[in-house]
Protein backbone atom coordinates (compact mmCIF):
# COMPACT_ATOMS: atom_id res chain seq x y z
CA UNK A 1 -30.73 22.28 -42.99
CA UNK A 2 -28.81 19.07 -42.55
CA UNK A 3 -25.03 19.18 -42.25
CA UNK A 4 -22.97 17.79 -45.05
CA UNK A 5 -21.10 14.54 -44.59
CA UNK A 6 -17.77 16.38 -44.16
CA UNK A 7 -19.21 18.69 -41.49
CA UNK A 8 -20.72 15.69 -39.71
CA UNK A 9 -17.38 13.81 -39.75
CA UNK A 10 -15.45 16.90 -38.59
CA UNK A 11 -17.89 17.51 -35.74
CA UNK A 12 -17.69 13.87 -34.63
CA UNK A 13 -13.89 13.93 -34.84
CA UNK A 14 -13.82 16.97 -32.57
CA UNK A 15 -16.12 15.23 -30.08
CA UNK A 16 -13.95 12.10 -30.19
CA UNK A 17 -10.78 14.15 -29.66
CA UNK A 18 -12.34 15.90 -26.65
CA UNK A 19 -13.53 12.59 -25.27
CA UNK A 20 -10.08 11.00 -25.77
CA UNK A 21 -8.47 13.91 -23.98
CA UNK A 22 -10.91 13.69 -21.07
CA UNK A 23 -10.40 9.92 -20.79
CA UNK A 24 -6.62 10.44 -20.92
CA UNK A 25 -6.74 12.95 -18.04
CA UNK A 26 -8.96 10.63 -16.04
CA UNK A 27 -6.62 7.66 -16.59
CA UNK A 28 -3.58 9.73 -15.59
CA UNK A 29 -5.31 10.81 -12.37
CA UNK A 30 -6.36 7.23 -11.70
CA UNK A 31 -2.82 5.99 -12.29
CA UNK A 32 -1.39 8.59 -9.89
CA UNK A 33 -3.97 7.66 -7.26
CA UNK A 34 -3.24 3.95 -7.76
CA UNK A 35 0.54 4.49 -7.42
CA UNK A 36 -0.10 6.18 -4.09
CA UNK A 37 -1.56 2.96 -2.67
CA UNK A 38 0.36 0.40 -4.70
CA UNK A 39 3.89 1.64 -5.30
CA UNK A 40 5.85 0.22 -8.19
CA UNK A 41 7.60 -3.07 -7.59
CA UNK A 42 10.58 -2.40 -5.42
CA UNK A 43 13.53 -4.59 -4.68
CA UNK A 44 12.95 -6.89 -1.74
CA UNK A 45 15.84 -5.53 0.28
CA UNK A 46 14.84 -1.88 -0.11
CA UNK A 47 12.94 -1.95 3.19
CA UNK A 48 15.29 -4.26 5.09
CA UNK A 49 16.21 -1.31 7.29
CA UNK A 50 12.60 -1.30 8.55
CA UNK A 51 12.59 -5.03 9.31
CA UNK A 52 15.98 -4.91 11.02
CA UNK A 53 17.63 -1.52 11.55
CA UNK A 54 20.67 -3.17 13.14
CA UNK A 55 22.08 -4.77 9.97
CA UNK A 56 24.06 -3.20 7.15
CA UNK A 57 21.79 -1.26 4.81
CA UNK A 58 23.39 -1.85 1.42
CA UNK A 59 20.10 -2.11 -0.49
CA UNK A 60 18.13 0.72 1.04
CA UNK A 61 17.53 3.95 -0.81
CA UNK A 62 17.55 6.53 1.96
CA UNK A 63 18.84 10.07 1.89
CA UNK A 64 22.23 10.74 3.45
CA UNK A 65 20.57 12.30 6.53
CA UNK A 66 18.36 9.24 6.94
CA UNK A 67 21.36 6.92 6.53
CA UNK A 68 23.22 8.88 9.20
CA UNK A 69 20.20 8.58 11.48
CA UNK A 70 19.91 4.85 10.91
CA UNK A 71 23.61 4.42 11.70
CA UNK A 72 23.02 6.30 14.92
CA UNK A 73 19.96 4.17 15.66
CA UNK A 74 21.84 0.94 14.96
CA UNK A 75 24.26 1.76 17.77
CA UNK A 76 21.46 2.46 20.28
CA UNK A 77 21.76 -0.32 22.88
CA UNK A 78 18.31 0.25 24.37
CA UNK A 79 16.55 -0.26 21.04
CA UNK A 80 18.85 -3.17 20.19
CA UNK A 81 17.84 -4.91 23.41
CA UNK A 82 14.16 -4.22 22.73
CA UNK A 83 14.42 -5.47 19.13
CA UNK A 84 14.42 -9.17 20.02
CA UNK A 85 11.45 -8.99 22.40
CA UNK A 86 9.29 -6.23 20.89
CA UNK A 87 7.06 -6.40 17.81
CA UNK A 88 8.40 -4.41 14.88
CA UNK A 89 5.72 -1.71 14.90
CA UNK A 90 6.16 -1.24 18.65
CA UNK A 91 9.93 -0.90 18.21
CA UNK A 92 9.47 1.94 15.73
CA UNK A 93 6.96 3.59 18.06
CA UNK A 94 9.61 3.45 20.81
CA UNK A 95 12.08 5.13 18.45
CA UNK A 96 9.81 8.10 17.69
CA UNK A 97 11.14 10.14 20.61
CA UNK A 98 14.80 9.97 19.54
CA UNK A 99 14.50 9.40 15.79
CA UNK A 100 11.19 11.01 14.75
CA UNK A 101 11.65 11.35 10.98
CA UNK A 102 13.11 7.89 10.43
CA UNK A 103 10.58 6.15 12.67
CA UNK A 104 7.65 7.92 10.98
CA UNK A 105 8.98 6.74 7.62
CA UNK A 106 9.30 3.19 8.94
CA UNK A 107 5.77 3.28 10.38
CA UNK A 108 4.49 4.47 7.00
CA UNK A 109 6.22 1.55 5.28
CA UNK A 110 4.75 -0.86 7.84
CA UNK A 111 1.22 0.48 7.44
CA UNK A 112 1.39 0.42 3.64
CA UNK A 113 2.30 -3.24 3.80
CA UNK A 114 -0.55 -4.04 6.17
CA UNK A 115 -3.44 -2.17 4.53
CA UNK A 116 -3.85 -4.76 1.79
CA UNK A 117 -5.18 -7.30 4.31
CA UNK A 118 -7.83 -4.84 5.48
CA UNK A 119 -8.83 -4.00 1.92
CA UNK A 120 -8.88 -7.69 0.99
CA UNK A 121 -11.10 -8.41 3.98
CA UNK A 122 -13.60 -5.75 2.96
CA UNK A 123 -13.70 -7.12 -0.59
CA UNK A 124 -14.22 -10.68 0.63
CA UNK A 125 -16.92 -9.54 3.05
CA UNK A 126 -18.76 -7.76 0.24
CA UNK A 127 -18.57 -10.90 -1.90
CA UNK A 128 -19.76 -13.14 0.94
CA UNK A 129 -22.63 -10.83 1.85
CA UNK A 130 -23.80 -10.76 -1.77
CA UNK A 131 -23.58 -14.53 -2.08
CA UNK A 132 -25.27 -15.32 1.23
CA UNK A 133 -27.84 -12.54 1.23
CA UNK A 134 -30.71 -15.00 0.88
CA UNK A 135 -29.38 -17.45 3.48
CA UNK A 136 -30.11 -17.24 7.17
CA UNK A 137 -26.52 -17.55 8.37
CA UNK A 138 -23.80 -15.33 9.72
CA UNK A 139 -20.80 -14.31 7.65
CA UNK A 140 -18.18 -14.39 10.43
CA UNK A 141 -17.11 -18.01 9.89
CA UNK A 142 -16.95 -17.64 6.12
CA UNK A 143 -14.97 -14.41 6.43
CA UNK A 144 -12.53 -15.92 8.93
CA UNK A 145 -11.93 -18.85 6.60
CA UNK A 146 -11.52 -16.58 3.56
CA UNK A 147 -8.90 -14.22 4.98
CA UNK A 148 -6.99 -16.59 7.27
CA UNK A 149 -3.48 -17.59 6.30
CA UNK A 150 -4.00 -21.02 7.87
CA UNK A 151 -4.90 -23.87 5.53
CA UNK A 152 -8.10 -25.59 6.72
CA UNK A 153 -7.96 -29.35 7.35
CA UNK A 154 -11.26 -30.45 5.89
């Protein structure tokens, strides 16, 4: 026996509601996963303490313990001397022994900022490999040109 029109509509509405709920859960999980890798837009000066821990930190949003630690770090003469001649990531690696929590946080901020170049490179390489699959050429030169920050003079 065939269902009536009302039963058919009710059954389809239930399926649609279940599907909407499942899609909603999936989108929420996707959004949470995306926020992990791409945090919401933050003020530019929020991470100034990572770029230069020896300046005043008016814009940073650190806990009071972290602010105390950064004040202590900013008076460290050894790190201050190394700051001008050492790359930023290396400076924070030097600080791990004395300031472990703060330096790990700084290293995390540094790595989050640098992963986009790696991910961009993989995306560009995938695109190049798909485009040049039928050609007998290497992708290294195209990839170097695609991800380089230097403008080519052609």
